[in-house]
């Protein structure tokens, strides 16, 4: 079963892209529909909340401090200690079989 987290991350990115586009218009002193900008930010916040909920359900003890750590958690599956322990176990089995 694949994780829904990559899809939720993509949804967050899409909603942020729309908000960024509006903010770039403001930066260039162009006209912006403020109601639409607020909706875009609310959509991004909702996507962020959904992603946090998904991550929390898959990895209850997970934490991250920035986007890089968030992406590493999603790509790496989050349980690095268990993965490393599993790798050590496989290396031991290979070593034992070679003896």
C-alpha atoms as a PDB file:
ATOM      1  CA  UNK A   1       0.000   0.000   0.000  1.00  0.00           C
ATOM      2  CA  UNK A   2       1.461   3.352  -0.952  1.00  0.00           C
ATOM      3  CA  UNK A   3       1.379   6.378   1.291  1.00  0.00           C
ATOM      4  CA  UNK A   4      -0.978   9.256   0.464  1.00  0.00           C
ATOM      5  CA  UNK A   5       1.632  11.701   1.793  1.00  0.00           C
ATOM      6  CA  UNK A   6       3.368  12.436  -1.547  1.00  0.00           C
ATOM      7  CA  UNK A   7      -0.001  13.333  -3.050  1.00  0.00           C
ATOM      8  CA  UNK A   8      -0.852  15.524  -0.061  1.00  0.00           C
ATOM      9  CA  UNK A   9       2.526  17.256  -0.396  1.00  0.00           C
ATOM     10  CA  UNK A  10       1.830  17.915  -4.089  1.00  0.00           C
ATOM     11  CA  UNK A  11      -1.563  19.368  -3.143  1.00  0.00           C
ATOM     12  CA  UNK A  12       0.137  21.680  -0.645  1.00  0.00           C
ATOM     13  CA  UNK A  13       2.642  22.762  -3.287  1.00  0.00           C
ATOM     14  CA  UNK A  14      -0.128  23.515  -5.796  1.00  0.00           C
ATOM     15  CA  UNK A  15      -2.075  25.621  -3.322  1.00  0.00           C
ATOM     16  CA  UNK A  16       1.070  27.499  -2.306  1.00  0.00           C
ATOM     17  CA  UNK A  17       1.946  28.165  -5.950  1.00  0.00           C
ATOM     18  CA  UNK A  18      -1.356  29.959  -6.448  1.00  0.00           C
ATOM     19  CA  UNK A  19      -0.820  32.088  -3.343  1.00  0.00           C
ATOM     20  CA  UNK A  20       2.771  32.862  -4.379  1.00  0.00           C
ATOM     21  CA  UNK A  21       1.546  34.015  -7.778  1.00  0.00           C
ATOM     22  CA  UNK A  22      -0.825  36.483  -6.145  1.00  0.00           C
ATOM     23  CA  UNK A  23       1.893  37.678  -3.781  1.00  0.00           C
ATOM     24  CA  UNK A  24       4.240  38.259  -6.721  1.00  0.00           C
ATOM     25  CA  UNK A  25       1.532  40.415  -8.286  1.00  0.00           C
ATOM     26  CA  UNK A  26       1.339  42.439  -5.090  1.00  0.00           C
ATOM     27  CA  UNK A  27       5.119  42.754  -5.056  1.00  0.00           C
ATOM     28  CA  UNK A  28       4.915  44.241  -8.569  1.00  0.00           C
ATOM     29  CA  UNK A  29       2.177  46.634  -7.404  1.00  0.00           C
ATOM     30  CA  UNK A  30      -0.382  44.882  -9.599  1.00  0.00           C
ATOM     31  CA  UNK A  31      -4.032  44.536  -8.703  1.00  0.00           C
ATOM     32  CA  UNK A  32      -4.996  41.460  -6.672  1.00  0.00           C
ATOM     33  CA  UNK A  33      -8.358  40.142  -5.531  1.00  0.00           C
ATOM     34  CA  UNK A  34      -7.770  40.079  -1.774  1.00  0.00           C
ATOM     35  CA  UNK A  35     -10.695  37.730  -1.159  1.00  0.00           C
ATOM     36  CA  UNK A  36      -9.185  35.262  -3.626  1.00  0.00           C
ATOM     37  CA  UNK A  37      -5.744  35.619  -2.024  1.00  0.00           C
ATOM     38  CA  UNK A  38      -7.198  34.862   1.406  1.00  0.00           C
ATOM     39  CA  UNK A  39      -8.979  31.807  -0.040  1.00  0.00           C
ATOM     40  CA  UNK A  40      -5.700  30.621  -1.586  1.00  0.00           C
ATOM     41  CA  UNK A  41      -3.911  30.935   1.757  1.00  0.00           C
ATOM     42  CA  UNK A  42      -6.770  29.130   3.509  1.00  0.00           C
ATOM     43  CA  UNK A  43      -6.519  26.350   0.915  1.00  0.00           C
ATOM     44  CA  UNK A  44      -2.777  26.066   1.564  1.00  0.00           C
ATOM     45  CA  UNK A  45      -3.381  25.927   5.312  1.00  0.00           C
ATOM     46  CA  UNK A  46      -5.976  23.183   4.807  1.00  0.00           C
ATOM     47  CA  UNK A  47      -3.564  21.184   2.637  1.00  0.00           C
ATOM     48  CA  UNK A  48      -0.883  21.626   5.295  1.00  0.00           C
ATOM     49  CA  UNK A  49      -3.259  20.437   8.030  1.00  0.00           C
ATOM     50  CA  UNK A  50      -4.217  17.376   5.940  1.00  0.00           C
ATOM     51  CA  UNK A  51      -0.555  16.500   5.328  1.00  0.00           C
ATOM     52  CA  UNK A  52       0.257  16.812   9.042  1.00  0.00           C
ATOM     53  CA  UNK A  53      -2.686  14.534   9.889  1.00  0.00           C
ATOM     54  CA  UNK A  54      -1.565  11.928   7.343  1.00  0.00           C
ATOM     55  CA  UNK A  55       2.013  12.009   8.610  1.00  0.00           C
ATOM     56  CA  UNK A  56       0.837  11.792  12.194  1.00  0.00           C
ATOM     57  CA  UNK A  57      -1.288   8.732  11.417  1.00  0.00           C
ATOM     58  CA  UNK A  58       1.573   6.977   9.608  1.00  0.00           C
ATOM     59  CA  UNK A  59       4.387   8.096  11.929  1.00  0.00           C
ATOM     60  CA  UNK A  60       2.996   9.213  15.315  1.00  0.00           C
ATOM     61  CA  UNK A  61       6.420  10.204  16.686  1.00  0.00           C
ATOM     62  CA  UNK A  62       7.590  12.038  13.560  1.00  0.00           C
ATOM     63  CA  UNK A  63       8.814  15.602  13.742  1.00  0.00           C
ATOM     64  CA  UNK A  64      10.472  17.976  11.307  1.00  0.00           C
ATOM     65  CA  UNK A  65      11.890  21.480  11.446  1.00  0.00           C
ATOM     66  CA  UNK A  66      11.847  22.544   7.802  1.00  0.00           C
ATOM     67  CA  UNK A  67      10.774  21.567   4.297  1.00  0.00           C
ATOM     68  CA  UNK A  68      13.872  19.465   3.704  1.00  0.00           C
ATOM     69  CA  UNK A  69      13.206  17.333   6.767  1.00  0.00           C
ATOM     70  CA  UNK A  70       9.531  17.064   5.782  1.00  0.00           C
ATOM     71  CA  UNK A  71      10.442  15.779   2.317  1.00  0.00           C
ATOM     72  CA  UNK A  72      13.013  13.370   3.760  1.00  0.00           C
ATOM     73  CA  UNK A  73      10.381  12.011   6.127  1.00  0.00           C
ATOM     74  CA  UNK A  74       7.920  11.462   3.293  1.00  0.00           C
ATOM     75  CA  UNK A  75      10.467   9.936   0.904  1.00  0.00           C
ATOM     76  CA  UNK A  76      12.306   7.954   3.564  1.00  0.00           C
ATOM     77  CA  UNK A  77       9.247   6.610   5.298  1.00  0.00           C
ATOM     78  CA  UNK A  78      10.047   8.230   8.600  1.00  0.00           C
ATOM     79  CA  UNK A  79      11.217   5.303  10.687  1.00  0.00           C
ATOM     80  CA  UNK A  80      14.927   5.616   9.989  1.00  0.00           C
ATOM     81  CA  UNK A  81      15.950   3.791  13.173  1.00  0.00           C
ATOM     82  CA  UNK A  82      13.863   0.741  12.267  1.00  0.00           C
ATOM     83  CA  UNK A  83      15.119   0.828   8.694  1.00  0.00           C
ATOM     84  CA  UNK A  84      18.714   1.004   9.878  1.00  0.00           C
ATOM     85  CA  UNK A  85      18.149  -1.858  12.309  1.00  0.00           C
ATOM     86  CA  UNK A  86      16.633  -3.925   9.504  1.00  0.00           C
ATOM     87  CA  UNK A  87      19.667  -3.215   7.291  1.00  0.00           C
ATOM     88  CA  UNK A  88      22.010  -4.314  10.087  1.00  0.00           C
ATOM     89  CA  UNK A  89      20.002  -7.517  10.461  1.00  0.00           C
ATOM     90  CA  UNK A  90      20.266  -8.229   6.744  1.00  0.00           C
ATOM     91  CA  UNK A  91      24.006  -7.573   6.777  1.00  0.00           C
ATOM     92  CA  UNK A  92      24.388 -10.000   9.717  1.00  0.00           C
ATOM     93  CA  UNK A  93      22.368 -12.684   7.907  1.00  0.00           C
ATOM     94  CA  UNK A  94      24.500 -12.289   4.785  1.00  0.00           C
ATOM     95  CA  UNK A  95      27.653 -12.505   6.889  1.00  0.00           C
ATOM     96  CA  UNK A  96      26.346 -15.601   8.731  1.00  0.00           C
ATOM     97  CA  UNK A  97      25.431 -17.341   5.471  1.00  0.00           C
ATOM     98  CA  UNK A  98      28.870 -16.627   4.058  1.00  0.00           C
ATOM     99  CA  UNK A  99      30.525 -18.439   6.999  1.00  0.00           C
END
